[in-house]
Amino acid sequence: MGFKPPTHRKEADLVMVIVEREKRFAIAERIELAPGELHEICIYYSRLADQVTESFSANLAARGIAPAAVVPQRYGDPGAQCLIRPRLTDPEWPRA
């Protein structure tokens, strides 16, 4: 039987376990990380950034400062607020 993608119709529990890891590197040693290690680092800092943003938003709201409505715009559009350059291989984005 071949590969079957997961279905959203079945219930599942997502469990996240936080563990402390440490990896030491000597001065001037090349730093090499396995894909799984890099993934852990990215997820950690992504989640941390979410928590900081949520706390900052709550602090502003407590002080009576409401969020501004931001209309998503494409990179390169006149007056665009988006400063993230898309991948050049993405056919949805025009080349600059």
N, C-alpha and C. Protein backbone atom coordinates (compact mmCIF):
# COMPACT_ATOMS: atom_id res chain seq x y z
N MET A 1 0.84 -1.17 0.00
CA MET A 1 0.00 0.00 0.00
C MET A 1 0.89 1.24 0.00
N GLY A 2 0.56 2.23 -0.80
CA GLY A 2 1.39 3.42 -0.94
C GLY A 2 1.19 4.43 0.17
N PHE A 3 1.86 5.53 0.01
CA PHE A 3 1.81 6.62 0.98
C PHE A 3 0.42 7.25 0.99
N LYS A 4 -0.10 7.50 2.18
CA LYS A 4 -1.38 8.18 2.33
C LYS A 4 -1.16 9.47 3.12
N PRO A 5 -1.57 10.60 2.57
CA PRO A 5 -1.41 11.85 3.31
C PRO A 5 -2.34 11.86 4.52
N PRO A 6 -2.00 12.66 5.53
CA PRO A 6 -2.89 12.73 6.70
C PRO A 6 -4.21 13.38 6.32
N THR A 7 -5.24 13.02 7.04
CA THR A 7 -6.55 13.60 6.79
C THR A 7 -6.95 14.51 7.94
N HIS A 8 -7.61 15.59 7.63
CA HIS A 8 -8.06 16.52 8.65
C HIS A 8 -9.35 16.04 9.31
N ARG A 9 -9.91 14.94 8.83
CA ARG A 9 -11.16 14.44 9.38
C ARG A 9 -10.97 13.65 10.67
N LYS A 10 -9.77 13.21 10.93
CA LYS A 10 -9.49 12.44 12.13
C LYS A 10 -8.91 13.36 13.20
N GLU A 11 -9.31 13.14 14.45
CA GLU A 11 -8.76 13.92 15.55
C GLU A 11 -7.36 13.43 15.88
N ALA A 12 -6.54 14.36 16.33
CA ALA A 12 -5.18 14.02 16.72
C ALA A 12 -4.73 14.99 17.80
N ASP A 13 -3.86 14.53 18.65
CA ASP A 13 -3.27 15.38 19.67
C ASP A 13 -1.89 15.78 19.22
N LEU A 14 -1.59 17.04 19.40
CA LEU A 14 -0.27 17.55 19.10
C LEU A 14 0.43 17.78 20.43
N VAL A 15 1.56 17.15 20.61
CA VAL A 15 2.30 17.25 21.86
C VAL A 15 3.63 17.91 21.59
N MET A 16 3.92 18.97 22.35
CA MET A 16 5.20 19.63 22.22
C MET A 16 5.92 19.51 23.56
N VAL A 17 7.13 19.03 23.50
CA VAL A 17 7.92 18.88 24.70
C VAL A 17 9.12 19.82 24.59
N ILE A 18 9.29 20.65 25.60
CA ILE A 18 10.42 21.58 25.62
C ILE A 18 11.57 20.90 26.36
N VAL A 19 12.69 20.81 25.70
CA VAL A 19 13.88 20.22 26.32
C VAL A 19 15.04 21.20 26.15
N GLU A 20 15.90 21.20 27.12
CA GLU A 20 17.07 22.08 27.04
C GLU A 20 18.19 21.33 26.34
N ARG A 21 18.77 21.98 25.36
CA ARG A 21 19.89 21.37 24.63
C ARG A 21 21.05 22.35 24.65
N GLU A 22 22.22 21.77 24.56
CA GLU A 22 23.41 22.60 24.53
C GLU A 22 24.40 21.98 23.56
N LYS A 23 24.99 22.81 22.74
CA LYS A 23 26.01 22.35 21.80
C LYS A 23 27.12 23.38 21.83
N ARG A 24 28.33 22.95 22.12
CA ARG A 24 29.45 23.89 22.25
C ARG A 24 30.34 23.80 21.01
N PHE A 25 30.90 24.96 20.70
CA PHE A 25 31.80 25.05 19.55
C PHE A 25 33.07 25.76 19.99
N ALA A 26 34.19 25.31 19.51
CA ALA A 26 35.46 25.95 19.81
C ALA A 26 35.57 27.24 18.99
N ILE A 27 36.35 28.18 19.49
CA ILE A 27 36.58 29.42 18.77
C ILE A 27 37.19 29.09 17.41
N ALA A 28 36.68 29.72 16.40
CA ALA A 28 37.11 29.56 15.00
C ALA A 28 36.72 28.21 14.41
N GLU A 29 35.98 27.41 15.15
CA GLU A 29 35.50 26.12 14.62
C GLU A 29 34.30 26.38 13.73
N ARG A 30 34.22 25.66 12.63
CA ARG A 30 33.07 25.78 11.74
C ARG A 30 31.84 25.21 12.44
N ILE A 31 30.77 25.96 12.44
CA ILE A 31 29.53 25.52 13.08
C ILE A 31 28.71 24.74 12.07
N GLU A 32 28.43 23.51 12.41
CA GLU A 32 27.61 22.67 11.54
C GLU A 32 26.42 22.17 12.35
N LEU A 33 25.24 22.33 11.78
CA LEU A 33 24.02 21.88 12.42
C LEU A 33 23.28 20.91 11.51
N ALA A 34 22.75 19.87 12.11
CA ALA A 34 21.92 18.92 11.36
C ALA A 34 20.60 19.62 11.03
N PRO A 35 19.91 19.20 9.99
CA PRO A 35 18.62 19.82 9.65
C PRO A 35 17.65 19.84 10.84
N GLY A 36 17.61 18.78 11.62
CA GLY A 36 16.72 18.73 12.78
C GLY A 36 17.08 19.76 13.83
N GLU A 37 18.38 19.99 14.03
CA GLU A 37 18.83 21.00 15.00
C GLU A 37 18.45 22.40 14.53
N LEU A 38 18.66 22.66 13.25
CA LEU A 38 18.32 23.96 12.70
C LEU A 38 16.80 24.19 12.78
N HIS A 39 16.04 23.14 12.53
CA HIS A 39 14.58 23.22 12.63
C HIS A 39 14.17 23.58 14.06
N GLU A 40 14.76 22.94 15.04
CA GLU A 40 14.45 23.23 16.44
C GLU A 40 14.73 24.69 16.78
N ILE A 41 15.86 25.19 16.32
CA ILE A 41 16.24 26.58 16.58
C ILE A 41 15.22 27.53 15.94
N CYS A 42 14.86 27.26 14.69
CA CYS A 42 13.91 28.13 13.99
C CYS A 42 12.54 28.11 14.65
N ILE A 43 12.06 26.95 15.03
CA ILE A 43 10.76 26.85 15.69
C ILE A 43 10.79 27.59 17.02
N TYR A 44 11.87 27.41 17.79
CA TYR A 44 11.99 28.08 19.08
C TYR A 44 11.89 29.59 18.93
N TYR A 45 12.68 30.15 18.02
CA TYR A 45 12.69 31.60 17.86
C TYR A 45 11.43 32.12 17.19
N SER A 46 10.81 31.33 16.34
CA SER A 46 9.54 31.70 15.75
C SER A 46 8.47 31.81 16.83
N ARG A 47 8.42 30.82 17.72
CA ARG A 47 7.46 30.83 18.83
C ARG A 47 7.76 31.98 19.79
N LEU A 48 9.03 32.20 20.06
CA LEU A 48 9.42 33.30 20.93
C LEU A 48 8.99 34.65 20.34
N ALA A 49 9.16 34.82 19.04
CA ALA A 49 8.75 36.06 18.38
C ALA A 49 7.23 36.24 18.49
N ASP A 50 6.47 35.15 18.36
CA ASP A 50 5.02 35.22 18.52
C ASP A 50 4.65 35.69 19.93
N GLN A 51 5.34 35.16 20.93
CA GLN A 51 5.05 35.54 22.32
C GLN A 51 5.39 37.02 22.57
N VAL A 52 6.50 37.48 22.03
CA VAL A 52 6.88 38.88 22.19
C VAL A 52 5.84 39.78 21.51
N THR A 53 5.43 39.41 20.31
CA THR A 53 4.43 40.20 19.58
C THR A 53 3.11 40.24 20.34
N GLU A 54 2.68 39.09 20.87
CA GLU A 54 1.43 39.04 21.63
C GLU A 54 1.53 39.92 22.88
N SER A 55 2.64 39.85 23.59
CA SER A 55 2.83 40.68 24.80
C SER A 55 2.85 42.16 24.44
N PHE A 56 3.53 42.51 23.38
CA PHE A 56 3.62 43.89 22.95
C PHE A 56 2.23 44.41 22.56
N SER A 57 1.47 43.60 21.82
CA SER A 57 0.12 44.00 21.41
C SER A 57 -0.78 44.18 22.62
N ALA A 58 -0.68 43.27 23.60
CA ALA A 58 -1.48 43.37 24.82
C ALA A 58 -1.12 44.63 25.60
N ASN A 59 0.17 44.96 25.65
CA ASN A 59 0.63 46.16 26.35
C ASN A 59 0.07 47.41 25.67
N LEU A 60 0.12 47.44 24.36
CA LEU A 60 -0.42 48.59 23.62
C LEU A 60 -1.93 48.72 23.84
N ALA A 61 -2.63 47.58 23.78
CA ALA A 61 -4.08 47.59 23.98
C ALA A 61 -4.43 48.09 25.38
N ALA A 62 -3.66 47.68 26.39
CA ALA A 62 -3.90 48.11 27.77
C ALA A 62 -3.70 49.62 27.91
N ARG A 63 -2.88 50.20 27.04
CA ARG A 63 -2.64 51.64 27.07
C ARG A 63 -3.58 52.39 26.14
N GLY A 64 -4.54 51.67 25.54
CA GLY A 64 -5.52 52.30 24.66
C GLY A 64 -5.07 52.54 23.25
N ILE A 65 -4.00 51.87 22.83
CA ILE A 65 -3.49 52.04 21.47
C ILE A 65 -4.00 50.88 20.63
N ALA A 66 -4.84 51.19 19.66
CA ALA A 66 -5.45 50.17 18.82
C ALA A 66 -4.54 49.84 17.63
N PRO A 67 -4.62 48.59 17.15
CA PRO A 67 -3.81 48.24 15.97
C PRO A 67 -4.32 48.94 14.72
N ALA A 68 -3.42 49.28 13.84
CA ALA A 68 -3.79 49.90 12.57
C ALA A 68 -4.14 48.82 11.57
N ALA A 69 -5.08 49.10 10.71
CA ALA A 69 -5.43 48.14 9.66
C ALA A 69 -4.34 48.18 8.59
N VAL A 70 -3.79 47.04 8.27
CA VAL A 70 -2.75 46.95 7.26
C VAL A 70 -3.28 46.10 6.11
N VAL A 71 -3.25 46.67 4.93
CA VAL A 71 -3.70 45.96 3.75
C VAL A 71 -2.50 45.26 3.14
N PRO A 72 -2.56 43.92 3.00
CA PRO A 72 -1.42 43.21 2.39
C PRO A 72 -1.17 43.73 0.97
N GLN A 73 0.07 43.98 0.67
CA GLN A 73 0.43 44.48 -0.65
C GLN A 73 1.59 43.66 -1.19
N ARG A 74 1.69 43.64 -2.49
CA ARG A 74 2.76 42.88 -3.13
C ARG A 74 4.04 43.70 -3.18
N TYR A 75 5.16 43.03 -3.07
CA TYR A 75 6.47 43.69 -3.17
C TYR A 75 6.57 44.39 -4.52
N GLY A 76 7.02 45.61 -4.50
CA GLY A 76 7.21 46.35 -5.75
C GLY A 76 6.02 47.20 -6.13
N ASP A 77 4.84 47.01 -5.49
CA ASP A 77 3.70 47.86 -5.79
C ASP A 77 3.99 49.27 -5.29
N PRO A 78 3.54 50.31 -5.99
CA PRO A 78 3.76 51.68 -5.51
C PRO A 78 3.13 51.87 -4.13
N GLY A 79 3.88 52.39 -3.20
CA GLY A 79 3.38 52.61 -1.85
C GLY A 79 3.29 51.35 -1.00
N ALA A 80 3.85 50.25 -1.46
CA ALA A 80 3.76 49.00 -0.71
C ALA A 80 4.49 49.11 0.62
N GLN A 81 3.89 48.52 1.64
CA GLN A 81 4.51 48.52 2.96
C GLN A 81 5.31 47.24 3.18
N CYS A 82 5.19 46.30 2.28
CA CYS A 82 5.89 45.03 2.42
C CYS A 82 7.34 45.19 1.97
N LEU A 83 8.26 44.91 2.86
CA LEU A 83 9.67 45.07 2.53
C LEU A 83 10.37 43.73 2.31
N ILE A 84 9.61 42.64 2.35
CA ILE A 84 10.20 41.32 2.18
C ILE A 84 10.23 40.98 0.70
N ARG A 85 11.40 40.73 0.20
CA ARG A 85 11.55 40.39 -1.22
C ARG A 85 11.21 38.91 -1.41
N PRO A 86 10.32 38.59 -2.33
CA PRO A 86 9.98 37.19 -2.58
C PRO A 86 11.11 36.46 -3.28
N ARG A 87 11.03 35.14 -3.29
CA ARG A 87 12.01 34.34 -4.04
C ARG A 87 11.87 34.68 -5.52
N LEU A 88 12.97 34.77 -6.20
CA LEU A 88 12.94 35.13 -7.62
C LEU A 88 12.31 34.04 -8.47
N THR A 89 12.21 32.81 -7.94
CA THR A 89 11.62 31.72 -8.70
C THR A 89 10.11 31.66 -8.53
N ASP A 90 9.53 32.52 -7.70
CA ASP A 90 8.10 32.51 -7.45
C ASP A 90 7.39 33.18 -8.62
N PRO A 91 6.58 32.44 -9.40
CA PRO A 91 5.93 33.03 -10.58
C PRO A 91 4.85 34.03 -10.22
N GLU A 92 4.40 34.05 -8.98
CA GLU A 92 3.35 34.98 -8.55
C GLU A 92 3.88 36.40 -8.41
N TRP A 93 5.18 36.58 -8.28
CA TRP A 93 5.74 37.89 -8.02
C TRP A 93 6.48 38.40 -9.26
N PRO A 94 6.30 39.67 -9.58
CA PRO A 94 7.04 40.22 -10.72
C PRO A 94 8.51 40.42 -10.37
N ARG A 95 9.33 40.32 -11.36
CA ARG A 95 10.75 40.56 -11.15
C ARG A 95 11.02 42.07 -11.19
N ALA A 96 11.88 42.49 -10.28
CA ALA A 96 12.21 43.93 -10.21
C ALA A 96 13.31 44.26 -11.20
